[in-house]
Amino acid sequence: MSETREQIDARIQERFSIMEDFTYACTTGDCRSLIVSGPGGLGKSYTAEKVMAKWDPTGTQYTISKGYCLTTGLLRLLYTHRFPNHVVIFDDSDSIFANENSLNLLKTVCDTTERRTVSYRTESRKIDEDSADLIPTSFDFDASVIFLTNVDFDRLIEKESTMSPHYEALVTRSHYIDLTIKTRQEKLVRIEQVVKEGLLNKFPVATHKDIVGYLHQRSDQLRELSLRMALKVGMIRNMGKPNWKNIADVTCCKL
């Protein structure tokens, strides 16, 4: 039986609400590791950063790592932010899931044992390139970690590749939230939710209906269905050109 639009809306709202609760639990140390899986550009970063900013406006107790990360960089990051009531957020840093050495480090910091001791012994010491400090070959990690990722770990585990046991170990050590946003309709529902939360507030209210309507009309042709695309269309609509839809077609669609 297919879901109604209202049911989809309620399901996605619930998932993001749970994500907020667990993100906050990471700030208190009650949750050591959280994995949030869902397509890019639909609010994972927005939600996590909102919780972090409210918890720590100074930004001194959490760090967000984006993009490519080597194992040595990962080690340095974990050592620098190893303290209790600190949070390390990996946002779209999916390269760490493709390296076995990185995964072994992550399995340690996500472990449920009382003491999490990170060991990296290929050299006697690792030098932090940003300072004169030395990173010991072994240190205790007492912070929490959050992974915001496009990776569907359930699917990767089911593929039964050589890396599957590592992915399964990471998931079993963490709280795992699949945001269940996969179809075009689900993406549109999520965009509308964030619009209601104020995504388009920098544009005149009178244009919001036009922007959302355009996303629905062109959902098959848009280069991506995301919050970023909503803002792009909003900027074009706000130009005040009578042919704004044609302009959006040229810059935002694959026609």
Protein backbone atom coordinates (compact mmCIF):
# COMPACT_ATOMS: atom_id res chain seq x y z
CA MET A 1 0.00 0.00 0.00
CA SER A 2 1.52 3.34 -1.07
CA GLU A 3 1.89 6.20 1.39
CA THR A 4 -0.10 9.39 1.15
CA ARG A 5 1.74 12.68 0.93
CA GLU A 6 0.77 13.40 4.53
CA GLN A 7 2.26 10.08 5.66
CA ILE A 8 5.50 10.78 3.80
CA ASP A 9 5.66 14.22 5.40
CA ALA A 10 5.12 12.79 8.88
CA ARG A 11 7.72 10.04 8.37
CA ILE A 12 10.44 12.40 7.19
CA GLN A 13 9.64 14.94 9.91
CA GLU A 14 9.97 12.20 12.50
CA ARG A 15 13.34 11.07 11.14
CA PHE A 16 14.78 14.58 11.27
CA SER A 17 13.35 15.11 14.75
CA ILE A 18 15.07 11.91 15.90
CA MET A 19 18.27 13.10 14.22
CA GLU A 20 18.09 16.32 16.24
CA ASP A 21 17.57 14.37 19.48
CA PHE A 22 20.55 12.09 18.83
CA THR A 23 22.76 14.97 17.70
CA TYR A 24 22.06 16.63 21.02
CA ALA A 25 22.78 13.32 22.79
CA CYS A 26 26.24 13.43 21.19
CA THR A 27 26.89 16.80 22.85
CA THR A 28 26.28 15.27 26.29
CA GLY A 29 28.25 12.11 25.55
CA ASP A 30 25.18 9.90 25.94
CA CYS A 31 25.52 8.97 22.26
CA ARG A 32 29.07 8.16 21.23
CA SER A 33 28.50 7.61 17.53
CA LEU A 34 25.74 8.59 15.11
CA ILE A 35 25.47 7.81 11.40
CA VAL A 36 22.90 9.76 9.38
CA SER A 37 22.41 8.50 5.83
CA GLY A 38 20.52 10.41 3.16
CA PRO A 39 20.94 12.21 -0.17
CA GLY A 40 22.97 15.39 -0.28
CA GLY A 41 21.46 18.85 -0.15
CA LEU A 42 18.33 18.01 1.84
CA GLY A 43 19.15 19.17 5.33
CA LYS A 44 21.54 16.82 7.14
CA SER A 45 24.19 19.51 7.58
CA TYR A 46 21.56 22.19 8.24
CA THR A 47 20.04 20.14 11.06
CA ALA A 48 23.33 19.16 12.69
CA GLU A 49 24.78 22.66 12.51
CA LYS A 50 21.59 24.12 13.99
CA VAL A 51 21.89 21.86 17.04
CA MET A 52 25.62 22.52 17.39
CA ALA A 53 25.26 26.30 17.16
CA LYS A 54 22.57 26.28 19.84
CA TRP A 55 24.64 24.03 22.11
CA ASP A 56 27.98 25.78 21.61
CA PRO A 57 27.68 29.24 20.00
CA THR A 58 31.45 29.74 20.30
CA GLY A 59 32.19 26.66 18.19
CA THR A 60 34.99 25.56 20.51
CA GLN A 61 33.63 22.13 21.46
CA TYR A 62 32.83 20.76 18.04
CA THR A 63 34.50 20.57 14.67
CA ILE A 64 33.13 19.80 11.22
CA SER A 65 35.34 17.98 8.73
CA LYS A 66 34.21 18.23 5.11
CA GLY A 67 35.57 16.58 2.01
CA TYR A 68 38.54 14.29 1.45
CA CYS A 69 40.45 13.08 4.50
CA LEU A 70 43.58 10.91 4.55
CA THR A 71 44.16 8.45 7.39
CA THR A 72 46.89 10.68 8.85
CA GLY A 73 44.53 13.65 8.75
CA LEU A 74 41.83 11.57 10.41
CA LEU A 75 44.24 10.55 13.16
CA ARG A 76 45.21 14.17 13.78
CA LEU A 77 41.56 15.23 13.89
CA LEU A 78 40.62 12.54 16.40
CA TYR A 79 43.60 13.34 18.62
CA THR A 80 42.93 17.09 18.60
CA HIS A 81 39.26 16.63 19.54
CA ARG A 82 39.54 13.60 21.83
CA PHE A 83 38.14 15.24 24.96
CA PRO A 84 34.83 14.53 26.78
CA ASN A 85 31.84 16.60 25.63
CA HIS A 86 33.49 17.34 22.30
CA VAL A 87 31.90 16.35 18.99
CA VAL A 88 33.59 15.55 15.69
CA ILE A 89 31.28 15.76 12.66
CA PHE A 90 32.26 14.19 9.35
CA ASP A 91 30.13 15.90 6.72
CA ASP A 92 30.33 14.40 3.24
CA SER A 93 33.75 12.90 4.05
CA ASP A 94 32.91 9.57 2.49
CA SER A 95 36.55 8.91 1.54
CA ILE A 96 37.14 7.71 5.10
CA PHE A 97 34.82 4.79 4.43
CA ALA A 98 36.90 3.57 1.49
CA ASN A 99 40.15 3.09 3.41
CA GLU A 100 40.64 0.08 5.66
CA ASN A 101 43.07 1.86 7.99
CA SER A 102 40.64 4.75 8.44
CA LEU A 103 37.78 2.35 9.09
CA ASN A 104 39.79 0.59 11.79
CA LEU A 105 40.37 3.92 13.54
CA LEU A 106 36.68 4.77 13.27
CA LYS A 107 35.62 1.40 14.66
CA THR A 108 37.72 2.14 17.74
CA VAL A 109 36.27 5.60 18.41
CA CYS A 110 32.73 4.27 17.84
CA ASP A 111 33.17 1.28 20.13
CA THR A 112 30.82 0.70 23.05
CA THR A 113 33.57 -0.36 25.46
CA GLU A 114 34.11 1.83 28.51
CA ARG A 115 37.58 2.85 27.32
CA ARG A 116 38.31 3.65 23.68
CA THR A 117 42.04 3.62 22.99
CA VAL A 118 43.18 4.63 19.52
CA SER A 119 46.45 3.02 18.38
CA TYR A 120 48.32 3.79 15.18
CA ARG A 121 51.75 2.17 15.20
CA THR A 122 53.17 2.28 11.70
CA GLU A 123 55.60 4.92 13.01
CA SER A 124 56.78 5.72 16.50
CA ARG A 125 55.07 9.12 16.40
CA LYS A 126 53.01 11.15 13.98
CA ILE A 127 53.90 14.81 13.70
CA ASP A 128 51.07 17.32 13.55
CA GLU A 129 51.98 19.45 10.53
CA ASP A 130 50.08 22.44 11.92
CA SER A 131 52.11 22.70 15.11
CA ALA A 132 55.13 21.37 16.91
CA ASP A 133 53.01 18.91 18.87
CA LEU A 134 53.58 15.19 18.58
CA ILE A 135 50.71 12.72 18.32
CA PRO A 136 51.36 9.67 20.49
CA THR A 137 51.01 6.22 18.99
CA SER A 138 48.20 5.51 21.46
CA PHE A 139 45.63 7.79 23.11
CA ASP A 140 42.19 7.59 24.71
CA PHE A 141 39.27 9.06 22.79
CA ASP A 142 36.40 10.41 24.91
CA ALA A 143 34.47 12.55 22.41
CA SER A 144 31.48 11.69 20.22
CA VAL A 145 31.41 11.39 16.43
CA ILE A 146 28.68 12.09 13.88
CA PHE A 147 28.79 10.95 10.26
CA LEU A 148 26.59 12.81 7.77
CA THR A 149 26.80 10.74 4.63
CA ASN A 150 25.24 9.91 1.28
CA VAL A 151 26.37 6.31 1.73
CA ASP A 152 23.64 3.70 2.16
CA PHE A 153 25.39 1.34 4.57
CA ASP A 154 22.58 -1.21 4.51
CA ARG A 155 23.03 -1.61 0.75
CA LEU A 156 26.83 -1.83 1.03
CA ILE A 157 26.60 -4.49 3.72
CA GLU A 158 24.18 -6.52 1.61
CA LYS A 159 26.66 -6.50 -1.32
CA GLU A 160 28.98 -8.70 0.80
CA SER A 161 32.19 -7.17 -0.50
CA THR A 162 35.54 -7.43 1.26
CA MET A 163 34.70 -4.14 3.00
CA SER A 164 31.23 -5.22 4.15
CA PRO A 165 32.42 -6.57 7.54
CA HIS A 166 33.99 -3.16 8.28
CA TYR A 167 30.78 -1.34 7.38
CA GLU A 168 28.71 -3.73 9.46
CA ALA A 169 31.06 -3.26 12.43
CA LEU A 170 30.74 0.51 12.13
CA VAL A 171 26.94 0.35 12.00
CA THR A 172 26.67 -2.05 14.95
CA ARG A 173 28.78 0.34 17.05
CA SER A 174 26.69 3.40 16.13
CA HIS A 175 23.15 4.68 16.16
CA TYR A 176 22.09 4.60 12.51
CA ILE A 177 19.40 6.80 10.96
CA ASP A 178 18.28 6.32 7.38
CA LEU A 179 16.36 9.47 6.49
CA THR A 180 14.36 7.44 3.92
CA ILE A 181 14.45 10.15 1.27
CA LYS A 182 14.92 8.35 -2.01
CA THR A 183 12.12 9.17 -4.45
CA ARG A 184 11.38 12.43 -6.25
CA GLN A 185 8.23 12.92 -4.19
CA GLU A 186 10.07 12.41 -0.91
CA LYS A 187 12.69 14.98 -1.91
CA LEU A 188 10.01 17.52 -2.81
CA VAL A 189 8.27 16.93 0.52
CA ARG A 190 11.53 17.53 2.37
CA ILE A 191 12.22 20.75 0.44
CA GLU A 192 8.76 22.04 1.34
CA GLN A 193 9.40 21.25 5.01
CA VAL A 194 12.55 23.37 5.06
CA VAL A 195 10.82 26.14 3.11
CA LYS A 196 8.27 26.30 5.92
CA GLU A 197 11.16 26.52 8.39
CA GLY A 198 12.43 29.63 6.63
CA LEU A 199 14.72 28.49 3.80
CA LEU A 200 13.36 31.14 1.41
CA ASN A 201 12.89 33.95 3.92
CA LYS A 202 15.42 36.17 2.15
CA PHE A 203 13.05 36.27 -0.83
CA PRO A 204 9.63 38.00 -0.83
CA VAL A 205 6.91 35.77 0.60
CA ALA A 206 4.83 36.35 -2.54
CA THR A 207 7.44 34.44 -4.57
CA HIS A 208 7.63 31.32 -2.40
CA LYS A 209 4.67 29.63 -4.09
CA ASP A 210 6.18 30.29 -7.51
CA ILE A 211 9.52 28.81 -6.48
CA VAL A 212 8.06 25.64 -5.00
CA GLY A 213 5.66 25.32 -7.92
CA TYR A 214 8.54 25.48 -10.39
CA LEU A 215 10.38 22.71 -8.53
CA HIS A 216 7.31 20.51 -8.84
CA GLN A 217 6.79 21.35 -12.52
CA ARG A 218 10.42 20.65 -13.45
CA SER A 219 11.22 17.87 -10.97
CA ASP A 220 11.99 15.46 -13.84
CA GLN A 221 14.38 17.87 -15.57
CA LEU A 222 16.19 19.62 -12.71
CA ARG A 223 19.89 18.84 -12.38
CA GLU A 224 19.22 17.98 -8.76
CA LEU A 225 16.34 18.17 -6.31
CA SER A 226 17.81 19.86 -3.27
CA LEU A 227 17.67 22.85 -0.97
CA ARG A 228 20.48 24.38 -3.01
CA MET A 229 18.32 24.17 -6.12
CA ALA A 230 15.44 25.85 -4.32
CA LEU A 231 17.74 28.76 -3.47
CA LYS A 232 19.01 28.96 -7.06
CA VAL A 233 15.47 29.11 -8.40
CA GLY A 234 14.60 31.65 -5.71
CA MET A 235 17.44 33.92 -6.83
CA ILE A 236 16.26 33.73 -10.45
CA ARG A 237 12.64 34.40 -9.48
CA ASN A 238 13.78 37.36 -7.39
CA MET A 239 15.43 38.96 -10.45
CA GLY A 240 11.95 40.09 -11.44
CA LYS A 241 12.28 39.04 -15.07
CA PRO A 242 8.99 38.09 -16.75
CA ASN A 243 10.77 35.16 -18.43
CA TRP A 244 12.30 33.89 -15.16
CA LYS A 245 11.11 30.33 -15.80
CA ASN A 246 12.92 30.25 -19.12
CA ILE A 247 16.08 31.49 -17.41
CA ALA A 248 15.73 28.77 -14.78
CA ASP A 249 15.19 26.17 -17.49
CA VAL A 250 18.50 27.11 -19.11
CA THR A 251 20.59 27.22 -15.90
CA CYS A 252 18.94 24.62 -13.68
CA CYS A 253 17.57 21.93 -15.96
CA LYS A 254 18.76 19.24 -18.32
CA LEU A 255 16.39 19.83 -21.24
